[in-house]
Amino acid sequence: VLGLGFPVCQANFFPNGVGVSQPGCDKGDISCQHSRVVALFIESIEPQSAFEVQECDGVPQGEHTTPCRPTNRTLMGEYANPEVSGLFYLETNANPPYSRG
């Protein structure tokens, strides 16, 4: 729910899309929504917890996301490739481990 709904960096990652509650967070729980990114990054430090993302043609809007290319994948978090650019989407679990990869 919190965050920017538009790209601002070379590589922009949108876990679960824009404008939707993070899985496992109550819709009105702003603290949970906002802190989830910290939990995702901490989990990404473990090599076995890779967050594989797919590139999309536009800003992902959750269930109503723009077309994404499952063949154009990279990693989000600690092991993200600093050379990639684009808009990236992934779905996470509601509870740890958050990675579905």
PDB file of N, CA and C in Angstrom:
ATOM      1  N   VAL A   1       0.831  -1.182   0.000  1.00  0.00           N
ATOM      2  CA  VAL A   1       0.000   0.000   0.000  1.00  0.00           C
ATOM      3  C   VAL A   1       0.879   1.249   0.000  1.00  0.00           C
ATOM      4  N   LEU A   2       1.906   1.259   0.827  1.00  0.00           N
ATOM      5  CA  LEU A   2       2.794   2.420   0.853  1.00  0.00           C
ATOM      6  C   LEU A   2       3.898   2.242  -0.165  1.00  0.00           C
ATOM      7  N   GLY A   3       4.526   3.314  -0.504  1.00  0.00           N
ATOM      8  CA  GLY A   3       5.565   3.280  -1.510  1.00  0.00           C
ATOM      9  C   GLY A   3       5.131   4.127  -2.687  1.00  0.00           C
ATOM     10  N   LEU A   4       5.989   4.180  -3.650  1.00  0.00           N
ATOM     11  CA  LEU A   4       5.689   4.972  -4.839  1.00  0.00           C
ATOM     12  C   LEU A   4       5.069   4.083  -5.899  1.00  0.00           C
ATOM     13  N   GLY A   5       4.065   4.555  -6.548  1.00  0.00           N
ATOM     14  CA  GLY A   5       3.380   3.794  -7.588  1.00  0.00           C
ATOM     15  C   GLY A   5       3.893   4.100  -8.975  1.00  0.00           C
ATOM     16  N   PHE A   6       5.111   4.623  -9.035  1.00  0.00           N
ATOM     17  CA  PHE A   6       5.700   4.952 -10.329  1.00  0.00           C
ATOM     18  C   PHE A   6       7.204   4.706 -10.250  1.00  0.00           C
ATOM     19  N   PRO A   7       7.847   4.471 -11.382  1.00  0.00           N
ATOM     20  CA  PRO A   7       9.279   4.177 -11.384  1.00  0.00           C
ATOM     21  C   PRO A   7      10.118   5.408 -11.053  1.00  0.00           C
ATOM     22  N   VAL A   8      11.165   5.205 -10.249  1.00  0.00           N
ATOM     23  CA  VAL A   8      12.067   6.299  -9.899  1.00  0.00           C
ATOM     24  C   VAL A   8      13.538   5.896 -10.018  1.00  0.00           C
ATOM     25  N   CYS A   9      13.818   4.653 -10.308  1.00  0.00           N
ATOM     26  CA  CYS A   9      15.189   4.150 -10.342  1.00  0.00           C
ATOM     27  C   CYS A   9      15.448   3.426 -11.658  1.00  0.00           C
ATOM     28  N   GLN A  10      16.678   2.980 -11.802  1.00  0.00           N
ATOM     29  CA  GLN A  10      17.043   2.178 -12.969  1.00  0.00           C
ATOM     30  C   GLN A  10      16.260   0.873 -12.979  1.00  0.00           C
ATOM     31  N   ALA A  11      16.209   0.214 -11.816  1.00  0.00           N
ATOM     32  CA  ALA A  11      15.418  -1.007 -11.664  1.00  0.00           C
ATOM     33  C   ALA A  11      14.395  -0.755 -10.564  1.00  0.00           C
ATOM     34  N   ASN A  12      13.134  -0.990 -10.860  1.00  0.00           N
ATOM     35  CA  ASN A  12      12.035  -0.739  -9.921  1.00  0.00           C
ATOM     36  C   ASN A  12      11.319  -2.050  -9.639  1.00  0.00           C
ATOM     37  N   PHE A  13      11.244  -2.405  -8.342  1.00  0.00           N
ATOM     38  CA  PHE A  13      10.650  -3.670  -7.925  1.00  0.00           C
ATOM     39  C   PHE A  13       9.332  -3.392  -7.213  1.00  0.00           C
ATOM     40  N   PHE A  14       8.293  -4.133  -7.595  1.00  0.00           N
ATOM     41  CA  PHE A  14       6.957  -3.955  -7.044  1.00  0.00           C
ATOM     42  C   PHE A  14       6.446  -5.288  -6.496  1.00  0.00           C
ATOM     43  N   PRO A  15       6.862  -5.654  -5.255  1.00  0.00           N
ATOM     44  CA  PRO A  15       6.357  -6.909  -4.688  1.00  0.00           C
ATOM     45  C   PRO A  15       4.834  -6.880  -4.564  1.00  0.00           C
ATOM     46  N   ASN A  16       4.174  -7.827  -5.191  1.00  0.00           N
ATOM     47  CA  ASN A  16       2.717  -7.993  -5.164  1.00  0.00           C
ATOM     48  C   ASN A  16       1.966  -6.870  -5.870  1.00  0.00           C
ATOM     49  N   GLY A  17       2.659  -5.964  -6.518  1.00  0.00           N
ATOM     50  CA  GLY A  17       2.014  -4.904  -7.277  1.00  0.00           C
ATOM     51  C   GLY A  17       1.767  -3.640  -6.475  1.00  0.00           C
ATOM     52  N   VAL A  18       1.200  -2.655  -7.131  1.00  0.00           N
ATOM     53  CA  VAL A  18       0.929  -1.347  -6.551  1.00  0.00           C
ATOM     54  C   VAL A  18      -0.541  -1.265  -6.148  1.00  0.00           C
ATOM     55  N   GLY A  19      -0.794  -0.666  -5.000  1.00  0.00           N
ATOM     56  CA  GLY A  19      -2.165  -0.413  -4.589  1.00  0.00           C
ATOM     57  C   GLY A  19      -2.876  -1.595  -3.958  1.00  0.00           C
ATOM     58  N   VAL A  20      -2.132  -2.624  -3.568  1.00  0.00           N
ATOM     59  CA  VAL A  20      -2.729  -3.779  -2.905  1.00  0.00           C
ATOM     60  C   VAL A  20      -2.051  -3.981  -1.551  1.00  0.00           C
ATOM     61  N   SER A  21      -2.763  -4.593  -0.621  1.00  0.00           N
ATOM     62  CA  SER A  21      -2.174  -4.922   0.669  1.00  0.00           C
ATOM     63  C   SER A  21      -1.158  -6.043   0.505  1.00  0.00           C
ATOM     64  N   GLN A  22      -0.093  -5.961   1.262  1.00  0.00           N
ATOM     65  CA  GLN A  22       0.886  -7.031   1.252  1.00  0.00           C
ATOM     66  C   GLN A  22       0.263  -8.269   1.897  1.00  0.00           C
ATOM     67  N   PRO A  23       0.476  -9.445   1.325  1.00  0.00           N
ATOM     68  CA  PRO A  23      -0.064 -10.664   1.920  1.00  0.00           C
ATOM     69  C   PRO A  23       0.390 -10.795   3.373  1.00  0.00           C
ATOM     70  N   GLY A  24      -0.540 -11.110   4.251  1.00  0.00           N
ATOM     71  CA  GLY A  24      -0.233 -11.255   5.663  1.00  0.00           C
ATOM     72  C   GLY A  24      -0.394  -9.978   6.461  1.00  0.00           C
ATOM     73  N   CYS A  25      -0.659  -8.854   5.804  1.00  0.00           N
ATOM     74  CA  CYS A  25      -0.887  -7.573   6.482  1.00  0.00           C
ATOM     75  C   CYS A  25      -2.360  -7.205   6.371  1.00  0.00           C
ATOM     76  N   ASP A  26      -2.936  -6.732   7.473  1.00  0.00           N
ATOM     77  CA  ASP A  26      -4.293  -6.218   7.407  1.00  0.00           C
ATOM     78  C   ASP A  26      -4.286  -4.959   6.551  1.00  0.00           C
ATOM     79  N   LYS A  27      -5.355  -4.730   5.829  1.00  0.00           N
ATOM     80  CA  LYS A  27      -5.427  -3.598   4.902  1.00  0.00           C
ATOM     81  C   LYS A  27      -5.111  -2.267   5.571  1.00  0.00           C
ATOM     82  N   GLY A  28      -5.558  -2.061   6.802  1.00  0.00           N
ATOM     83  CA  GLY A  28      -5.322  -0.794   7.484  1.00  0.00           C
ATOM     84  C   GLY A  28      -4.043  -0.740   8.301  1.00  0.00           C
ATOM     85  N   ASP A  29      -3.273  -1.827   8.325  1.00  0.00           N
ATOM     86  CA  ASP A  29      -2.056  -1.881   9.134  1.00  0.00           C
ATOM     87  C   ASP A  29      -0.885  -1.290   8.357  1.00  0.00           C
ATOM     88  N   ILE A  30      -0.755   0.013   8.425  1.00  0.00           N
ATOM     89  CA  ILE A  30       0.274   0.726   7.664  1.00  0.00           C
ATOM     90  C   ILE A  30       1.670   0.304   8.085  1.00  0.00           C
ATOM     91  N   SER A  31       1.874   0.053   9.365  1.00  0.00           N
ATOM     92  CA  SER A  31       3.185  -0.357   9.852  1.00  0.00           C
ATOM     93  C   SER A  31       3.617  -1.673   9.208  1.00  0.00           C
ATOM     94  N   CYS A  32       2.724  -2.630   9.152  1.00  0.00           N
ATOM     95  CA  CYS A  32       3.020  -3.920   8.531  1.00  0.00           C
ATOM     96  C   CYS A  32       3.314  -3.737   7.046  1.00  0.00           C
ATOM     97  N   GLN A  33       2.486  -2.974   6.366  1.00  0.00           N
ATOM     98  CA  GLN A  33       2.662  -2.740   4.935  1.00  0.00           C
ATOM     99  C   GLN A  33       4.028  -2.120   4.645  1.00  0.00           C
ATOM    100  N   HIS A  34       4.360  -1.106   5.417  1.00  0.00           N
ATOM    101  CA  HIS A  34       5.576  -0.331   5.166  1.00  0.00           C
ATOM    102  C   HIS A  34       6.835  -1.097   5.546  1.00  0.00           C
ATOM    103  N   SER A  35       6.778  -1.892   6.600  1.00  0.00           N
ATOM    104  CA  SER A  35       7.973  -2.597   7.064  1.00  0.00           C
ATOM    105  C   SER A  35       8.231  -3.895   6.306  1.00  0.00           C
ATOM    106  N   ARG A  36       7.309  -4.328   5.500  1.00  0.00           N
ATOM    107  CA  ARG A  36       7.493  -5.594   4.781  1.00  0.00           C
ATOM    108  C   ARG A  36       8.727  -5.561   3.883  1.00  0.00           C
ATOM    109  N   VAL A  37       9.036  -4.417   3.309  1.00  0.00           N
ATOM    110  CA  VAL A  37      10.203  -4.331   2.440  1.00  0.00           C
ATOM    111  C   VAL A  37      11.484  -4.669   3.206  1.00  0.00           C
ATOM    112  N   VAL A  38      11.559  -4.298   4.470  1.00  0.00           N
ATOM    113  CA  VAL A  38      12.729  -4.622   5.285  1.00  0.00           C
ATOM    114  C   VAL A  38      12.821  -6.137   5.460  1.00  0.00           C
ATOM    115  N   ALA A  39      11.699  -6.776   5.759  1.00  0.00           N
ATOM    116  CA  ALA A  39      11.680  -8.230   5.926  1.00  0.00           C
ATOM    117  C   ALA A  39      12.076  -8.938   4.626  1.00  0.00           C
ATOM    118  N   LEU A  40      11.617  -8.422   3.502  1.00  0.00           N
ATOM    119  CA  LEU A  40      11.956  -9.025   2.214  1.00  0.00           C
ATOM    120  C   LEU A  40      13.453  -8.906   1.952  1.00  0.00           C
ATOM    121  N   PHE A  41      14.020  -7.740   2.236  1.00  0.00           N
ATOM    122  CA  PHE A  41      15.449  -7.571   1.982  1.00  0.00           C
ATOM    123  C   PHE A  41      16.274  -8.461   2.909  1.00  0.00           C
ATOM    124  N   ILE A  42      15.921  -8.512   4.185  1.00  0.00           N
ATOM    125  CA  ILE A  42      16.651  -9.371   5.129  1.00  0.00           C
ATOM    126  C   ILE A  42      16.618 -10.816   4.645  1.00  0.00           C
ATOM    127  N   GLU A  43      15.457 -11.274   4.211  1.00  0.00           N
ATOM    128  CA  GLU A  43      15.359 -12.649   3.712  1.00  0.00           C
ATOM    129  C   GLU A  43      16.190 -12.841   2.452  1.00  0.00           C
ATOM    130  N   SER A  44      16.316 -11.805   1.630  1.00  0.00           N
ATOM    131  CA  SER A  44      17.063 -11.926   0.378  1.00  0.00           C
ATOM    132  C   SER A  44      18.556 -12.147   0.594  1.00  0.00           C
ATOM    133  N   ILE A  45      19.052 -11.876   1.794  1.00  0.00           N
ATOM    134  CA  ILE A  45      20.472 -12.042   2.081  1.00  0.00           C
ATOM    135  C   ILE A  45      20.846 -13.527   2.088  1.00  0.00           C
ATOM    136  N   GLU A  46      19.902 -14.386   2.422  1.00  0.00           N
ATOM    137  CA  GLU A  46      20.138 -15.830   2.410  1.00  0.00           C
ATOM    138  C   GLU A  46      20.073 -16.323   0.970  1.00  0.00           C
ATOM    139  N   PRO A  47      21.167 -16.910   0.452  1.00  0.00           N
ATOM    140  CA  PRO A  47      21.184 -17.333  -0.957  1.00  0.00           C
ATOM    141  C   PRO A  47      20.048 -18.281  -1.344  1.00  0.00           C
ATOM    142  N   GLN A  48      19.589 -19.113  -0.427  1.00  0.00           N
ATOM    143  CA  GLN A  48      18.520 -20.051  -0.752  1.00  0.00           C
ATOM    144  C   GLN A  48      17.157 -19.370  -0.794  1.00  0.00           C
ATOM    145  N   SER A  49      17.095 -18.099  -0.431  1.00  0.00           N
ATOM    146  CA  SER A  49      15.823 -17.358  -0.413  1.00  0.00           C
ATOM    147  C   SER A  49      15.766 -16.330  -1.529  1.00  0.00           C
ATOM    148  N   ALA A  50      16.182 -16.720  -2.714  1.00  0.00           N
ATOM    149  CA  ALA A  50      16.210 -15.786  -3.837  1.00  0.00           C
ATOM    150  C   ALA A  50      14.805 -15.317  -4.194  1.00  0.00           C
ATOM    151  N   PHE A  51      14.681 -14.016  -4.440  1.00  0.00           N
ATOM    152  CA  PHE A  51      13.421 -13.445  -4.910  1.00  0.00           C
ATOM    153  C   PHE A  51      13.556 -13.233  -6.410  1.00  0.00           C
ATOM    154  N   GLU A  52      13.031 -14.173  -7.174  1.00  0.00           N
ATOM    155  CA  GLU A  52      13.086 -14.064  -8.623  1.00  0.00           C
ATOM    156  C   GLU A  52      11.919 -13.205  -9.095  1.00  0.00           C
ATOM    157  N   VAL A  53      12.221 -12.206  -9.903  1.00  0.00           N
ATOM    158  CA  VAL A  53      11.207 -11.274 -10.392  1.00  0.00           C
ATOM    159  C   VAL A  53      11.135 -11.352 -11.909  1.00  0.00           C
ATOM    160  N   GLN A  54      10.011 -10.918 -12.449  1.00  0.00           N
ATOM    161  CA  GLN A  54       9.856 -10.877 -13.903  1.00  0.00           C
ATOM    162  C   GLN A  54       9.623  -9.448 -14.357  1.00  0.00           C
ATOM    163  N   GLU A  55      10.178  -9.125 -15.497  1.00  0.00           N
ATOM    164  CA  GLU A  55      10.043  -7.778 -16.034  1.00  0.00           C
ATOM    165  C   GLU A  55       8.646  -7.576 -16.604  1.00  0.00           C
ATOM    166  N   CYS A  56       8.101  -6.368 -16.407  1.00  0.00           N
ATOM    167  CA  CYS A  56       6.765  -6.028 -16.900  1.00  0.00           C
ATOM    168  C   CYS A  56       6.830  -4.824 -17.836  1.00  0.00           C
ATOM    169  N   ASP A  57       5.796  -4.676 -18.641  1.00  0.00           N
ATOM    170  CA  ASP A  57       5.731  -3.567 -19.593  1.00  0.00           C
ATOM    171  C   ASP A  57       5.307  -2.251 -18.949  1.00  0.00           C
ATOM    172  N   GLY A  58       4.724  -2.317 -17.766  1.00  0.00           N
ATOM    173  CA  GLY A  58       4.277  -1.120 -17.061  1.00  0.00           C
ATOM    174  C   GLY A  58       4.310  -1.385 -15.569  1.00  0.00           C
ATOM    175  N   VAL A  59       3.861  -0.418 -14.796  1.00  0.00           N
ATOM    176  CA  VAL A  59       3.840  -0.573 -13.344  1.00  0.00           C
ATOM    177  C   VAL A  59       2.816  -1.640 -12.968  1.00  0.00           C
ATOM    178  N   PRO A  60       3.259  -2.710 -12.300  1.00  0.00           N
ATOM    179  CA  PRO A  60       2.339  -3.793 -11.928  1.00  0.00           C
ATOM    180  C   PRO A  60       1.281  -3.317 -10.934  1.00  0.00           C
ATOM    181  N   GLN A  61       0.037  -3.632 -11.212  1.00  0.00           N
ATOM    182  CA  GLN A  61      -1.091  -3.216 -10.372  1.00  0.00           C
ATOM    183  C   GLN A  61      -1.719  -4.408  -9.666  1.00  0.00           C
ATOM    184  N   GLY A  62      -0.925  -5.267  -9.063  1.00  0.00           N
ATOM    185  CA  GLY A  62      -1.465  -6.422  -8.356  1.00  0.00           C
ATOM    186  C   GLY A  62      -2.113  -7.397  -9.309  1.00  0.00           C
ATOM    187  N   GLU A  63      -3.341  -7.804  -9.008  1.00  0.00           N
ATOM    188  CA  GLU A  63      -4.045  -8.783  -9.840  1.00  0.00           C
ATOM    189  C   GLU A  63      -4.309  -8.271 -11.246  1.00  0.00           C
ATOM    190  N   HIS A  64      -4.328  -6.962 -11.412  1.00  0.00           N
ATOM    191  CA  HIS A  64      -4.619  -6.368 -12.721  1.00  0.00           C
ATOM    192  C   HIS A  64      -3.332  -5.819 -13.319  1.00  0.00           C
ATOM    193  N   THR A  65      -2.297  -6.615 -13.280  1.00  0.00           N
ATOM    194  CA  THR A  65      -0.983  -6.152 -13.702  1.00  0.00           C
ATOM    195  C   THR A  65      -0.880  -6.074 -15.225  1.00  0.00           C
ATOM    196  N   THR A  66       0.036  -5.267 -15.675  1.00  0.00           N
ATOM    197  CA  THR A  66       0.312  -5.161 -17.101  1.00  0.00           C
ATOM    198  C   THR A  66       1.058  -6.421 -17.530  1.00  0.00           C
ATOM    199  N   PRO A  67       1.160  -6.660 -18.812  1.00  0.00           N
ATOM    200  CA  PRO A  67       1.842  -7.876 -19.266  1.00  0.00           C
ATOM    201  C   PRO A  67       3.281  -7.951 -18.744  1.00  0.00           C
ATOM    202  N   CYS A  68       3.612  -9.117 -18.209  1.00  0.00           N
ATOM    203  CA  CYS A  68       4.968  -9.368 -17.729  1.00  0.00           C
ATOM    204  C   CYS A  68       5.569 -10.494 -18.563  1.00  0.00           C
ATOM    205  N   ARG A  69       6.880 -10.520 -18.605  1.00  0.00           N
ATOM    206  CA  ARG A  69       7.584 -11.511 -19.405  1.00  0.00           C
ATOM    207  C   ARG A  69       8.273 -12.524 -18.492  1.00  0.00           C
ATOM    208  N   PRO A  70       7.668 -13.700 -18.312  1.00  0.00           N
ATOM    209  CA  PRO A  70       8.284 -14.692 -17.434  1.00  0.00           C
ATOM    210  C   PRO A  70       9.653 -15.150 -17.907  1.00  0.00           C
ATOM    211  N   THR A  71       9.962 -14.924 -19.168  1.00  0.00           N
ATOM    212  CA  THR A  71      11.273 -15.339 -19.674  1.00  0.00           C
ATOM    213  C   THR A  71      12.358 -14.315 -19.351  1.00  0.00           C
ATOM    214  N   ASN A  72      11.976 -13.110 -18.969  1.00  0.00           N
ATOM    215  CA  ASN A  72      12.957 -12.074 -18.642  1.00  0.00           C
ATOM    216  C   ASN A  72      12.965 -11.899 -17.124  1.00  0.00           C
ATOM    217  N   ARG A  73      13.761 -12.726 -16.450  1.00  0.00           N
ATOM    218  CA  ARG A  73      13.791 -12.753 -14.986  1.00  0.00           C
ATOM    219  C   ARG A  73      15.141 -12.297 -14.453  1.00  0.00           C
ATOM    220  N   THR A  74      15.110 -11.786 -13.236  1.00  0.00           N
ATOM    221  CA  THR A  74      16.325 -11.404 -12.519  1.00  0.00           C
ATOM    222  C   THR A  74      16.021 -11.542 -11.029  1.00  0.00           C
ATOM    223  N   LEU A  75      16.952 -11.136 -10.175  1.00  0.00           N
ATOM    224  CA  LEU A  75      16.755 -11.246  -8.732  1.00  0.00           C
ATOM    225  C   LEU A  75      16.527  -9.877  -8.106  1.00  0.00           C
ATOM    226  N   MET A  76      15.768  -9.862  -7.027  1.00  0.00           N
ATOM    227  CA  MET A  76      15.522  -8.666  -6.230  1.00  0.00           C
ATOM    228  C   MET A  76      16.245  -8.845  -4.897  1.00  0.00           C
ATOM    229  N   GLY A  77      16.751  -7.770  -4.351  1.00  0.00           N
ATOM    230  CA  GLY A  77      17.355  -7.820  -3.023  1.00  0.00           C
ATOM    231  C   GLY A  77      18.870  -7.831  -3.070  1.00  0.00           C
ATOM    232  N   GLU A  78      19.469  -8.501  -2.119  1.00  0.00           N
ATOM    233  CA  GLU A  78      20.925  -8.531  -1.959  1.00  0.00           C
ATOM    234  C   GLU A  78      21.649  -8.945  -3.236  1.00  0.00           C
ATOM    235  N   TYR A  79      21.096  -9.880  -3.979  1.00  0.00           N
ATOM    236  CA  TYR A  79      21.776 -10.413  -5.158  1.00  0.00           C
ATOM    237  C   TYR A  79      21.228  -9.856  -6.473  1.00  0.00           C
ATOM    238  N   ALA A  80      20.594  -8.699  -6.397  1.00  0.00           N
ATOM    239  CA  ALA A  80      20.091  -8.051  -7.621  1.00  0.00           C
ATOM    240  C   ALA A  80      21.261  -7.660  -8.511  1.00  0.00           C
ATOM    241  N   ASN A  81      21.075  -7.831  -9.794  1.00  0.00           N
ATOM    242  CA  ASN A  81      22.092  -7.454 -10.767  1.00  0.00           C
ATOM    243  C   ASN A  81      22.068  -5.934 -10.928  1.00  0.00           C
ATOM    244  N   PRO A  82      23.181  -5.242 -10.629  1.00  0.00           N
ATOM    245  CA  PRO A  82      23.187  -3.779 -10.734  1.00  0.00           C
ATOM    246  C   PRO A  82      23.101  -3.262 -12.166  1.00  0.00           C
ATOM    247  N   GLU A  83      23.203  -4.150 -13.138  1.00  0.00           N
ATOM    248  CA  GLU A  83      23.160  -3.743 -14.544  1.00  0.00           C
ATOM    249  C   GLU A  83      21.760  -3.766 -15.140  1.00  0.00           C
ATOM    250  N   VAL A  84      20.790  -4.385 -14.472  1.00  0.00           N
ATOM    251  CA  VAL A  84      19.445  -4.490 -15.059  1.00  0.00           C
ATOM    252  C   VAL A  84      18.679  -3.179 -14.904  1.00  0.00           C
ATOM    253  N   SER A  85      17.739  -2.985 -15.774  1.00  0.00           N
ATOM    254  CA  SER A  85      16.845  -1.832 -15.671  1.00  0.00           C
ATOM    255  C   SER A  85      15.455  -2.287 -16.091  1.00  0.00           C
ATOM    256  N   GLY A  86      14.456  -1.604 -15.563  1.00  0.00           N
ATOM    257  CA  GLY A  86      13.090  -1.929 -15.936  1.00  0.00           C
ATOM    258  C   GLY A  86      12.163  -1.958 -14.744  1.00  0.00           C
ATOM    259  N   LEU A  87      10.957  -2.457 -14.992  1.00  0.00           N
ATOM    260  CA  LEU A  87       9.909  -2.594 -13.982  1.00  0.00           C
ATOM    261  C   LEU A  87       9.740  -4.076 -13.704  1.00  0.00           C
ATOM    262  N   PHE A  88       9.798  -4.457 -12.433  1.00  0.00           N
ATOM    263  CA  PHE A  88       9.795  -5.868 -12.078  1.00  0.00           C
ATOM    264  C   PHE A  88       8.723  -6.185 -11.042  1.00  0.00           C
ATOM    265  N   TYR A  89       8.155  -7.386 -11.159  1.00  0.00           N
ATOM    266  CA  TYR A  89       7.044  -7.826 -10.320  1.00  0.00           C
ATOM    267  C   TYR A  89       7.329  -9.218  -9.782  1.00  0.00           C
ATOM    268  N   LEU A  90       6.856  -9.475  -8.573  1.00  0.00           N
ATOM    269  CA  LEU A  90       6.862 -10.813  -8.011  1.00  0.00           C
ATOM    270  C   LEU A  90       5.749 -10.921  -6.989  1.00  0.00           C
ATOM    271  N   GLU A  91       5.341 -12.131  -6.714  1.00  0.00           N
ATOM    272  CA  GLU A  91       4.371 -12.394  -5.656  1.00  0.00           C
ATOM    273  C   GLU A  91       5.120 -13.008  -4.490  1.00  0.00           C
ATOM    274  N   THR A  92       4.709 -12.658  -3.264  1.00  0.00           N
ATOM    275  CA  THR A  92       5.349 -13.193  -2.070  1.00  0.00           C
ATOM    276  C   THR A  92       4.333 -13.960  -1.233  1.00  0.00           C
ATOM    277  N   ASN A  93       4.855 -14.733  -0.307  1.00  0.00           N
ATOM    278  CA  ASN A  93       4.016 -15.436   0.657  1.00  0.00           C
ATOM    279  C   ASN A  93       3.585 -14.484   1.758  1.00  0.00           C
ATOM    280  N   ALA A  94       2.534 -14.828   2.466  1.00  0.00           N
ATOM    281  CA  ALA A  94       2.018 -13.997   3.556  1.00  0.00           C
ATOM    282  C   ALA A  94       2.904 -14.049   4.796  1.00  0.00           C
ATOM    283  N   ASN A  95       3.635 -15.153   4.967  1.00  0.00           N
ATOM    284  CA  ASN A  95       4.480 -15.350   6.140  1.00  0.00           C
ATOM    285  C   ASN A  95       5.845 -15.863   5.703  1.00  0.00           C
ATOM    286  N   PRO A  96       6.853 -15.712   6.547  1.00  0.00           N
ATOM    287  CA  PRO A  96       8.177 -16.244   6.206  1.00  0.00           C
ATOM    288  C   PRO A  96       8.125 -17.756   6.000  1.00  0.00           C
ATOM    289  N   PRO A  97       8.852 -18.268   5.071  1.00  0.00           N
ATOM    290  CA  PRO A  97       9.653 -17.516   4.113  1.00  0.00           C
ATOM    291  C   PRO A  97       8.753 -16.822   3.093  1.00  0.00           C
ATOM    292  N   TYR A  98       9.082 -15.576   2.803  1.00  0.00           N
ATOM    293  CA  TYR A  98       8.279 -14.782   1.871  1.00  0.00           C
ATOM    294  C   TYR A  98       8.546 -15.174   0.423  1.00  0.00           C
ATOM    295  N   SER A  99       9.757 -15.619   0.141  1.00  0.00           N
ATOM    296  CA  SER A  99      10.128 -15.983  -1.218  1.00  0.00           C
ATOM    297  C   SER A  99       9.379 -17.219  -1.679  1.00  0.00           C
ATOM    298  N   ARG A 100       8.929 -17.177  -2.912  1.00  0.00           N
ATOM    299  CA  ARG A 100       8.303 -18.349  -3.526  1.00  0.00           C
ATOM    300  C   ARG A 100       9.296 -19.055  -4.444  1.00  0.00           C
ATOM    301  N   GLY A 101      10.533 -18.540  -4.470  1.00  0.00           N
ATOM    302  CA  GLY A 101      11.567 -19.085  -5.364  1.00  0.00           C
ATOM    303  C   GLY A 101      12.332 -20.162  -4.813  1.00  0.00           C
TER     304      GLY A 101
END
